[in-house]
């Protein structure tokens, strides 16, 4: 399962999505900190099929976690080369043009 927040603004949409078990955690690397907050990622809990649909229809995607990134890359949305790792957790941002 995944935790997702879809933000629509004018003609575009931004999807913030993460593996559900990462909610509330803070990832750290050097001087950088990434908080996986409920306000940013937790509008609703979604299953794999709904996550797949959200990934396909969103213009910009901010994702954290191995499972959601694997799903996205398998759909051809983003690539392994763009994945960064923070505290052992993969992180990927995709801007569709």
Foldseek 3Di string as FASTA:
>chain_A
DKAWDWDDDDPAIEIEMERVVQEQDWFDDDPDIDGNYCVHGHPDDDDPVVLLVCLVRHQKYKYKADVSVVSCVVVVFDHPVQWDATNNITIHIGGHD
